[in-house]
Amino acid sequence: MKHNKAQISLEFFALNGFLLLTFIGLLLIVQQRSIQIQQESLVRGEQAVSEVLLREIRYAYIAGHGYSRDFELPRTVRGLPYEVTIINSPPGSALKASTLAVRYKDRSDVPTYSLSVPHNVILADLTTLDPDPPGPLIVNSYGTIRMYLPSWVILK
């Protein structure tokens, strides 16, 4: 069977086109997986901050009235500033609970990490107590837990 140059050229371009499409497809799959891994890492960062806050709330609740403690929080999580939000149950509600949420500032592509807290908690800016605070502070005053966070943690 005799092939002319035009037929070989056409087969060559068809094979190269197929290989190029396969390579581009693999690159897209790898890129999507990389983005997914990065988002999972960011969510784990939010989760770590949430768990520190939840642990401190539990300690304050168990210790009772008069408990006060400074604790550590990172300035950024994975190099990004973050926000802390607490939504308490309505006043007079039989259920005393809060939702603690940590999310990255200006990163709407990363989901907010939320935890349920079985106690009402009040968030406040730490600079209202001390203009040059050493770090976050948690206080239990007659069963009311107040968490004073520094200004670099954005409170919502």
N, C-alpha and C. Protein backbone atom coordinates (compact mmCIF):
# COMPACT_ATOMS: atom_id res chain seq x y z
N MET A 1 0.85 -1.17 0.00
CA MET A 1 0.00 0.00 0.00
C MET A 1 0.89 1.23 0.00
N LYS A 2 0.61 2.09 -0.90
CA LYS A 2 1.42 3.27 -1.08
C LYS A 2 0.72 4.48 -0.46
N HIS A 3 1.44 5.25 0.35
CA HIS A 3 0.90 6.48 0.95
C HIS A 3 1.58 7.67 0.30
N ASN A 4 0.79 8.64 0.05
CA ASN A 4 1.43 9.86 -0.45
C ASN A 4 1.67 10.80 0.72
N LYS A 5 2.43 11.84 0.49
CA LYS A 5 2.82 12.75 1.56
C LYS A 5 1.63 13.46 2.20
N ALA A 6 0.63 13.76 1.46
CA ALA A 6 -0.54 14.47 1.98
C ALA A 6 -1.29 13.60 2.99
N GLN A 7 -1.39 12.32 2.73
CA GLN A 7 -2.10 11.42 3.64
C GLN A 7 -1.32 11.26 4.94
N ILE A 8 -0.03 11.14 4.91
CA ILE A 8 0.80 11.02 6.10
C ILE A 8 0.73 12.31 6.91
N SER A 9 0.74 13.43 6.25
CA SER A 9 0.64 14.72 6.91
C SER A 9 -0.69 14.85 7.65
N LEU A 10 -1.77 14.42 7.02
CA LEU A 10 -3.09 14.49 7.64
C LEU A 10 -3.17 13.59 8.87
N GLU A 11 -2.62 12.40 8.80
CA GLU A 11 -2.59 11.48 9.95
C GLU A 11 -1.75 12.07 11.09
N PHE A 12 -0.65 12.70 10.73
CA PHE A 12 0.24 13.32 11.72
C PHE A 12 -0.50 14.43 12.47
N PHE A 13 -1.19 15.29 11.73
CA PHE A 13 -1.94 16.38 12.39
C PHE A 13 -3.10 15.85 13.23
N ALA A 14 -3.77 14.82 12.78
CA ALA A 14 -4.87 14.23 13.54
C ALA A 14 -4.34 13.63 14.85
N LEU A 15 -3.22 12.93 14.78
CA LEU A 15 -2.63 12.35 15.98
C LEU A 15 -2.16 13.44 16.94
N ASN A 16 -1.50 14.46 16.42
CA ASN A 16 -1.06 15.57 17.27
C ASN A 16 -2.25 16.30 17.89
N GLY A 17 -3.31 16.50 17.15
CA GLY A 17 -4.51 17.15 17.69
C GLY A 17 -5.11 16.34 18.83
N PHE A 18 -5.20 15.04 18.65
CA PHE A 18 -5.73 14.16 19.70
C PHE A 18 -4.86 14.22 20.95
N LEU A 19 -3.55 14.17 20.77
CA LEU A 19 -2.63 14.23 21.91
C LEU A 19 -2.73 15.58 22.62
N LEU A 20 -2.87 16.66 21.85
CA LEU A 20 -3.00 17.99 22.44
C LEU A 20 -4.29 18.10 23.26
N LEU A 21 -5.40 17.61 22.73
CA LEU A 21 -6.67 17.63 23.47
C LEU A 21 -6.59 16.80 24.75
N THR A 22 -5.94 15.65 24.67
CA THR A 22 -5.76 14.81 25.86
C THR A 22 -4.93 15.53 26.91
N PHE A 23 -3.85 16.17 26.49
CA PHE A 23 -2.98 16.90 27.41
C PHE A 23 -3.72 18.06 28.07
N ILE A 24 -4.48 18.82 27.29
CA ILE A 24 -5.26 19.94 27.84
C ILE A 24 -6.30 19.43 28.83
N GLY A 25 -6.94 18.33 28.52
CA GLY A 25 -7.92 17.74 29.44
C GLY A 25 -7.29 17.34 30.76
N LEU A 26 -6.11 16.73 30.69
CA LEU A 26 -5.41 16.35 31.92
C LEU A 26 -4.99 17.58 32.72
N LEU A 27 -4.54 18.64 32.05
CA LEU A 27 -4.18 19.87 32.74
C LEU A 27 -5.38 20.47 33.47
N LEU A 28 -6.54 20.45 32.84
CA LEU A 28 -7.75 20.99 33.48
C LEU A 28 -8.12 20.17 34.71
N ILE A 29 -8.00 18.87 34.63
CA ILE A 29 -8.30 18.01 35.78
C ILE A 29 -7.33 18.29 36.92
N VAL A 30 -6.06 18.42 36.62
CA VAL A 30 -5.05 18.70 37.65
C VAL A 30 -5.30 20.07 38.27
N GLN A 31 -5.65 21.06 37.47
CA GLN A 31 -5.92 22.41 37.99
C GLN A 31 -7.14 22.40 38.92
N GLN A 32 -8.21 21.72 38.52
CA GLN A 32 -9.40 21.63 39.37
C GLN A 32 -9.08 20.97 40.70
N ARG A 33 -8.29 19.92 40.67
CA ARG A 33 -7.92 19.21 41.90
C ARG A 33 -7.06 20.11 42.79
N SER A 34 -6.16 20.87 42.18
CA SER A 34 -5.32 21.80 42.94
C SER A 34 -6.17 22.86 43.64
N ILE A 35 -7.14 23.41 42.95
CA ILE A 35 -8.05 24.40 43.55
C ILE A 35 -8.83 23.77 44.70
N GLN A 36 -9.30 22.55 44.51
CA GLN A 36 -10.06 21.85 45.56
C GLN A 36 -9.19 21.61 46.79
N ILE A 37 -7.94 21.21 46.60
CA ILE A 37 -7.03 20.98 47.72
C ILE A 37 -6.75 22.28 48.46
N GLN A 38 -6.58 23.38 47.73
CA GLN A 38 -6.34 24.68 48.36
C GLN A 38 -7.55 25.11 49.19
N GLN A 39 -8.76 24.93 48.67
CA GLN A 39 -9.96 25.30 49.43
C GLN A 39 -10.11 24.43 50.67
N GLU A 40 -9.81 23.14 50.56
CA GLU A 40 -9.88 22.26 51.73
C GLU A 40 -8.89 22.71 52.79
N SER A 41 -7.71 23.14 52.37
CA SER A 41 -6.71 23.64 53.31
C SER A 41 -7.21 24.90 54.01
N LEU A 42 -7.84 25.80 53.27
CA LEU A 42 -8.38 27.03 53.86
C LEU A 42 -9.50 26.71 54.85
N VAL A 43 -10.36 25.76 54.52
CA VAL A 43 -11.44 25.37 55.44
C VAL A 43 -10.85 24.76 56.72
N ARG A 44 -9.79 23.96 56.59
CA ARG A 44 -9.14 23.41 57.78
C ARG A 44 -8.58 24.52 58.67
N GLY A 45 -8.10 25.58 58.05
CA GLY A 45 -7.62 26.74 58.83
C GLY A 45 -8.75 27.39 59.60
N GLU A 46 -9.89 27.59 58.95
CA GLU A 46 -11.07 28.13 59.63
C GLU A 46 -11.50 27.21 60.78
N GLN A 47 -11.48 25.93 60.51
CA GLN A 47 -11.88 24.94 61.52
C GLN A 47 -10.96 25.00 62.73
N ALA A 48 -9.66 25.15 62.50
CA ALA A 48 -8.71 25.20 63.62
C ALA A 48 -8.98 26.40 64.52
N VAL A 49 -9.25 27.57 63.94
CA VAL A 49 -9.56 28.77 64.74
C VAL A 49 -10.86 28.56 65.48
N SER A 50 -11.87 28.00 64.81
CA SER A 50 -13.17 27.75 65.45
C SER A 50 -13.03 26.83 66.65
N GLU A 51 -12.21 25.80 66.52
CA GLU A 51 -12.04 24.85 67.62
C GLU A 51 -11.31 25.48 68.80
N VAL A 52 -10.36 26.37 68.54
CA VAL A 52 -9.70 27.08 69.64
C VAL A 52 -10.73 27.92 70.40
N LEU A 53 -11.55 28.65 69.66
CA LEU A 53 -12.57 29.50 70.28
C LEU A 53 -13.59 28.65 71.06
N LEU A 54 -14.03 27.55 70.48
CA LEU A 54 -14.99 26.67 71.15
C LEU A 54 -14.40 26.09 72.43
N ARG A 55 -13.15 25.68 72.37
CA ARG A 55 -12.48 25.12 73.56
C ARG A 55 -12.43 26.17 74.68
N GLU A 56 -12.08 27.40 74.33
CA GLU A 56 -12.02 28.47 75.33
C GLU A 56 -13.40 28.76 75.91
N ILE A 57 -14.43 28.73 75.09
CA ILE A 57 -15.80 28.95 75.58
C ILE A 57 -16.19 27.84 76.56
N ARG A 58 -15.87 26.60 76.22
CA ARG A 58 -16.19 25.48 77.11
C ARG A 58 -15.45 25.60 78.45
N TYR A 59 -14.16 25.96 78.39
CA TYR A 59 -13.40 26.14 79.63
C TYR A 59 -14.05 27.21 80.50
N ALA A 60 -14.42 28.32 79.91
CA ALA A 60 -15.03 29.42 80.67
C ALA A 60 -16.36 28.99 81.27
N TYR A 61 -17.15 28.25 80.53
CA TYR A 61 -18.45 27.82 81.03
C TYR A 61 -18.29 26.84 82.20
N ILE A 62 -17.39 25.89 82.05
CA ILE A 62 -17.18 24.88 83.10
C ILE A 62 -16.59 25.51 84.37
N ALA A 63 -15.66 26.44 84.20
CA ALA A 63 -15.00 27.06 85.35
C ALA A 63 -15.96 27.93 86.16
N GLY A 64 -16.94 28.54 85.50
CA GLY A 64 -17.94 29.33 86.22
C GLY A 64 -17.54 30.78 86.43
N HIS A 65 -18.34 31.43 87.28
CA HIS A 65 -18.18 32.86 87.54
C HIS A 65 -16.77 33.17 88.02
N GLY A 66 -16.22 34.24 87.49
CA GLY A 66 -14.89 34.69 87.90
C GLY A 66 -13.78 34.20 87.00
N TYR A 67 -14.07 33.29 86.10
CA TYR A 67 -13.04 32.76 85.21
C TYR A 67 -12.61 33.85 84.23
N SER A 68 -11.32 33.96 84.05
CA SER A 68 -10.76 34.93 83.11
C SER A 68 -9.44 34.36 82.62
N ARG A 69 -9.22 34.44 81.31
CA ARG A 69 -7.99 33.84 80.78
C ARG A 69 -7.62 34.50 79.46
N ASP A 70 -6.32 34.79 79.30
CA ASP A 70 -5.78 35.19 78.01
C ASP A 70 -5.49 33.92 77.21
N PHE A 71 -5.71 33.97 75.91
CA PHE A 71 -5.39 32.81 75.08
C PHE A 71 -4.82 33.29 73.75
N GLU A 72 -4.35 32.36 72.97
CA GLU A 72 -3.68 32.68 71.70
C GLU A 72 -4.60 32.46 70.52
N LEU A 73 -4.54 33.38 69.57
CA LEU A 73 -5.18 33.24 68.27
C LEU A 73 -4.19 33.72 67.21
N PRO A 74 -4.18 33.07 66.06
CA PRO A 74 -3.27 33.55 65.01
C PRO A 74 -3.76 34.86 64.41
N ARG A 75 -2.84 35.70 63.98
CA ARG A 75 -3.20 36.96 63.33
C ARG A 75 -3.85 36.72 61.98
N THR A 76 -3.36 35.73 61.28
CA THR A 76 -3.95 35.34 59.99
C THR A 76 -4.05 33.82 59.96
N VAL A 77 -4.85 33.33 59.08
CA VAL A 77 -4.95 31.89 58.87
C VAL A 77 -4.57 31.63 57.42
N ARG A 78 -3.55 30.84 57.23
CA ARG A 78 -3.01 30.58 55.90
C ARG A 78 -2.66 31.88 55.17
N GLY A 79 -2.21 32.88 55.97
CA GLY A 79 -1.80 34.16 55.41
C GLY A 79 -2.94 35.11 55.07
N LEU A 80 -4.16 34.77 55.45
CA LEU A 80 -5.33 35.60 55.12
C LEU A 80 -6.01 36.11 56.39
N PRO A 81 -6.49 37.36 56.38
CA PRO A 81 -7.26 37.86 57.53
C PRO A 81 -8.62 37.14 57.60
N TYR A 82 -9.15 37.03 58.81
CA TYR A 82 -10.41 36.32 58.98
C TYR A 82 -11.36 37.10 59.88
N GLU A 83 -12.62 36.69 59.83
CA GLU A 83 -13.68 37.31 60.64
C GLU A 83 -14.28 36.27 61.57
N VAL A 84 -14.70 36.72 62.74
CA VAL A 84 -15.39 35.85 63.69
C VAL A 84 -16.76 36.44 63.94
N THR A 85 -17.77 35.59 63.85
CA THR A 85 -19.15 36.01 64.09
C THR A 85 -19.77 35.06 65.10
N ILE A 86 -20.55 35.61 66.02
CA ILE A 86 -21.34 34.77 66.92
C ILE A 86 -22.78 35.25 66.84
N ILE A 87 -23.67 34.32 66.57
CA ILE A 87 -25.10 34.61 66.52
C ILE A 87 -25.73 33.89 67.70
N ASN A 88 -26.26 34.65 68.65
CA ASN A 88 -26.88 34.07 69.84
C ASN A 88 -28.36 33.80 69.62
N SER A 89 -28.89 32.91 70.45
CA SER A 89 -30.34 32.67 70.41
C SER A 89 -31.04 33.93 70.90
N PRO A 90 -32.27 34.17 70.48
CA PRO A 90 -32.97 35.40 70.86
C PRO A 90 -33.18 35.48 72.37
N PRO A 91 -33.21 36.70 72.93
CA PRO A 91 -33.47 36.86 74.36
C PRO A 91 -34.82 36.25 74.73
N GLY A 92 -34.87 35.59 75.87
CA GLY A 92 -36.10 34.96 76.33
C GLY A 92 -36.33 33.58 75.75
N SER A 93 -35.46 33.15 74.86
CA SER A 93 -35.59 31.83 74.25
C SER A 93 -35.23 30.76 75.27
N ALA A 94 -35.94 29.64 75.22
CA ALA A 94 -35.65 28.53 76.13
C ALA A 94 -34.29 27.92 75.80
N LEU A 95 -33.90 27.97 74.55
CA LEU A 95 -32.63 27.41 74.10
C LEU A 95 -31.56 28.48 74.17
N LYS A 96 -30.56 28.25 74.98
CA LYS A 96 -29.42 29.17 75.09
C LYS A 96 -28.28 28.57 74.27
N ALA A 97 -28.15 29.06 73.07
CA ALA A 97 -27.11 28.54 72.19
C ALA A 97 -26.63 29.64 71.25
N SER A 98 -25.49 29.40 70.66
CA SER A 98 -24.90 30.34 69.72
C SER A 98 -24.38 29.58 68.52
N THR A 99 -24.21 30.31 67.44
CA THR A 99 -23.51 29.77 66.28
C THR A 99 -22.24 30.59 66.13
N LEU A 100 -21.13 29.91 66.16
CA LEU A 100 -19.82 30.52 66.00
C LEU A 100 -19.39 30.29 64.56
N ALA A 101 -19.07 31.37 63.86
CA ALA A 101 -18.67 31.25 62.45
C ALA A 101 -17.33 31.95 62.24
N VAL A 102 -16.47 31.30 61.49
CA VAL A 102 -15.18 31.87 61.11
C VAL A 102 -15.12 31.82 59.59
N ARG A 103 -14.79 32.97 59.00
CA ARG A 103 -14.66 33.02 57.55
C ARG A 103 -13.53 33.97 57.18
N TYR A 104 -13.00 33.76 55.99
CA TYR A 104 -11.94 34.63 55.50
C TYR A 104 -12.54 35.92 54.98
N LYS A 105 -11.87 37.01 55.30
CA LYS A 105 -12.30 38.32 54.78
C LYS A 105 -11.99 38.35 53.28
N ASP A 106 -12.95 38.79 52.52
CA ASP A 106 -12.80 38.97 51.06
C ASP A 106 -12.52 37.68 50.31
N ARG A 107 -12.94 36.53 50.84
CA ARG A 107 -12.78 35.27 50.11
C ARG A 107 -14.13 34.55 50.09
N SER A 108 -15.02 35.01 49.24
CA SER A 108 -16.36 34.41 49.17
C SER A 108 -16.33 33.03 48.52
N ASP A 109 -15.23 32.66 47.88
CA ASP A 109 -15.13 31.34 47.25
C ASP A 109 -14.88 30.23 48.27
N VAL A 110 -14.51 30.60 49.50
CA VAL A 110 -14.27 29.61 50.55
C VAL A 110 -15.46 29.63 51.49
N PRO A 111 -16.09 28.47 51.73
CA PRO A 111 -17.26 28.46 52.61
C PRO A 111 -16.92 28.83 54.05
N THR A 112 -17.89 29.43 54.73
CA THR A 112 -17.75 29.78 56.14
C THR A 112 -17.80 28.51 56.97
N TYR A 113 -16.93 28.41 57.97
CA TYR A 113 -16.96 27.27 58.88
C TYR A 113 -17.74 27.66 60.13
N SER A 114 -18.80 26.92 60.44
CA SER A 114 -19.67 27.24 61.57
C SER A 114 -19.73 26.08 62.55
N LEU A 115 -19.83 26.44 63.84
CA LEU A 115 -20.00 25.46 64.92
C LEU A 115 -21.15 25.90 65.81
N SER A 116 -21.83 24.96 66.38
CA SER A 116 -22.87 25.27 67.35
C SER A 116 -22.24 25.29 68.74
N VAL A 117 -22.56 26.33 69.49
CA VAL A 117 -22.03 26.50 70.85
C VAL A 117 -23.23 26.45 71.80
N PRO A 118 -23.19 25.57 72.81
CA PRO A 118 -24.37 25.41 73.67
C PRO A 118 -24.56 26.52 74.70
N HIS A 119 -23.94 27.67 74.51
CA HIS A 119 -24.06 28.78 75.47
C HIS A 119 -24.11 30.08 74.69
N ASN A 120 -24.76 31.08 75.25
CA ASN A 120 -24.70 32.41 74.66
C ASN A 120 -23.35 33.02 74.96
N VAL A 121 -22.78 33.66 73.95
CA VAL A 121 -21.46 34.27 74.06
C VAL A 121 -21.54 35.67 73.47
N ILE A 122 -20.89 36.61 74.14
CA ILE A 122 -20.85 37.98 73.65
C ILE A 122 -19.44 38.26 73.14
N LEU A 123 -19.36 38.74 71.91
CA LEU A 123 -18.07 39.13 71.34
C LEU A 123 -17.86 40.62 71.54
N ALA A 124 -16.65 41.03 71.84
CA ALA A 124 -16.35 42.45 72.00
C ALA A 124 -14.92 42.71 71.54
N ASP A 125 -14.68 43.95 71.18
CA ASP A 125 -13.34 44.37 70.77
C ASP A 125 -12.48 44.52 72.02
N LEU A 126 -11.35 43.87 72.03
CA LEU A 126 -10.46 43.87 73.20
C LEU A 126 -9.92 45.26 73.51
N THR A 127 -9.82 46.12 72.53
CA THR A 127 -9.28 47.46 72.78
C THR A 127 -10.21 48.30 73.64
N THR A 128 -11.46 47.85 73.86
CA THR A 128 -12.34 48.57 74.79
C THR A 128 -11.87 48.37 76.22
N LEU A 129 -11.13 47.30 76.49
CA LEU A 129 -10.59 47.04 77.83
C LEU A 129 -9.18 47.59 77.99
N ASP A 130 -8.39 47.43 76.94
CA ASP A 130 -6.97 47.77 77.02
C ASP A 130 -6.53 48.28 75.65
N PRO A 131 -6.00 49.50 75.56
CA PRO A 131 -5.60 50.01 74.26
C PRO A 131 -4.43 49.23 73.64
N ASP A 132 -3.63 48.57 74.45
CA ASP A 132 -2.51 47.76 73.96
C ASP A 132 -2.62 46.37 74.58
N PRO A 133 -3.60 45.57 74.10
CA PRO A 133 -3.86 44.27 74.73
C PRO A 133 -2.79 43.23 74.43
N PRO A 134 -2.55 42.31 75.38
CA PRO A 134 -1.58 41.25 75.15
C PRO A 134 -2.11 40.18 74.20
N GLY A 135 -3.41 39.96 74.18
CA GLY A 135 -3.99 38.93 73.33
C GLY A 135 -5.46 38.76 73.66
N PRO A 136 -6.12 37.82 73.01
CA PRO A 136 -7.54 37.60 73.28
C PRO A 136 -7.79 37.23 74.75
N LEU A 137 -8.97 37.57 75.23
CA LEU A 137 -9.35 37.34 76.63
C LEU A 137 -10.77 36.79 76.66
N ILE A 138 -10.99 35.82 77.54
CA ILE A 138 -12.34 35.30 77.73
C ILE A 138 -12.68 35.41 79.21
N VAL A 139 -13.92 35.80 79.51
CA VAL A 139 -14.36 36.04 80.89
C VAL A 139 -15.74 35.42 81.08
N ASN A 140 -15.93 34.76 82.23
CA ASN A 140 -17.25 34.29 82.62
C ASN A 140 -17.68 35.13 83.82
N SER A 141 -18.72 35.92 83.60
CA SER A 141 -19.24 36.76 84.66
C SER A 141 -20.70 36.39 84.91
N TYR A 142 -20.94 35.66 85.99
CA TYR A 142 -22.28 35.20 86.35
C TYR A 142 -22.95 34.45 85.21
N GLY A 143 -22.19 33.58 84.56
CA GLY A 143 -22.75 32.74 83.50
C GLY A 143 -22.78 33.40 82.13
N THR A 144 -22.45 34.66 82.05
CA THR A 144 -22.37 35.33 80.75
C THR A 144 -20.92 35.28 80.29
N ILE A 145 -20.73 34.66 79.15
CA ILE A 145 -19.38 34.51 78.64
C ILE A 145 -19.11 35.63 77.63
N ARG A 146 -18.06 36.38 77.93
CA ARG A 146 -17.64 37.46 77.04
C ARG A 146 -16.27 37.11 76.47
N MET A 147 -16.19 37.21 75.16
CA MET A 147 -14.93 36.94 74.50
C MET A 147 -14.45 38.26 73.89
N TYR A 148 -13.31 38.73 74.39
CA TYR A 148 -12.72 39.97 73.90
C TYR A 148 -11.62 39.61 72.91
N LEU A 149 -11.81 40.01 71.67
CA LEU A 149 -10.84 39.68 70.63
C LEU A 149 -10.14 40.94 70.15
N PRO A 150 -8.88 40.82 69.75
CA PRO A 150 -8.14 42.00 69.28
C PRO A 150 -8.71 42.55 67.97
N SER A 151 -8.36 43.77 67.67
CA SER A 151 -8.91 44.43 66.49
C SER A 151 -8.48 43.78 65.18
N TRP A 152 -7.37 43.03 65.18
CA TRP A 152 -6.96 42.37 63.92
C TRP A 152 -7.86 41.20 63.58
N VAL A 153 -8.67 40.72 64.52
CA VAL A 153 -9.71 39.75 64.20
C VAL A 153 -10.96 40.57 63.95
N ILE A 154 -11.49 40.48 62.77
CA ILE A 154 -12.64 41.29 62.41
C ILE A 154 -13.88 40.68 63.04
N LEU A 155 -14.60 41.47 63.82
CA LEU A 155 -15.80 40.99 64.49
C LEU A 155 -17.01 41.41 63.67
N LYS A 156 -17.93 40.50 63.52
CA LYS A 156 -19.16 40.81 62.79
C LYS A 156 -20.34 40.53 63.67
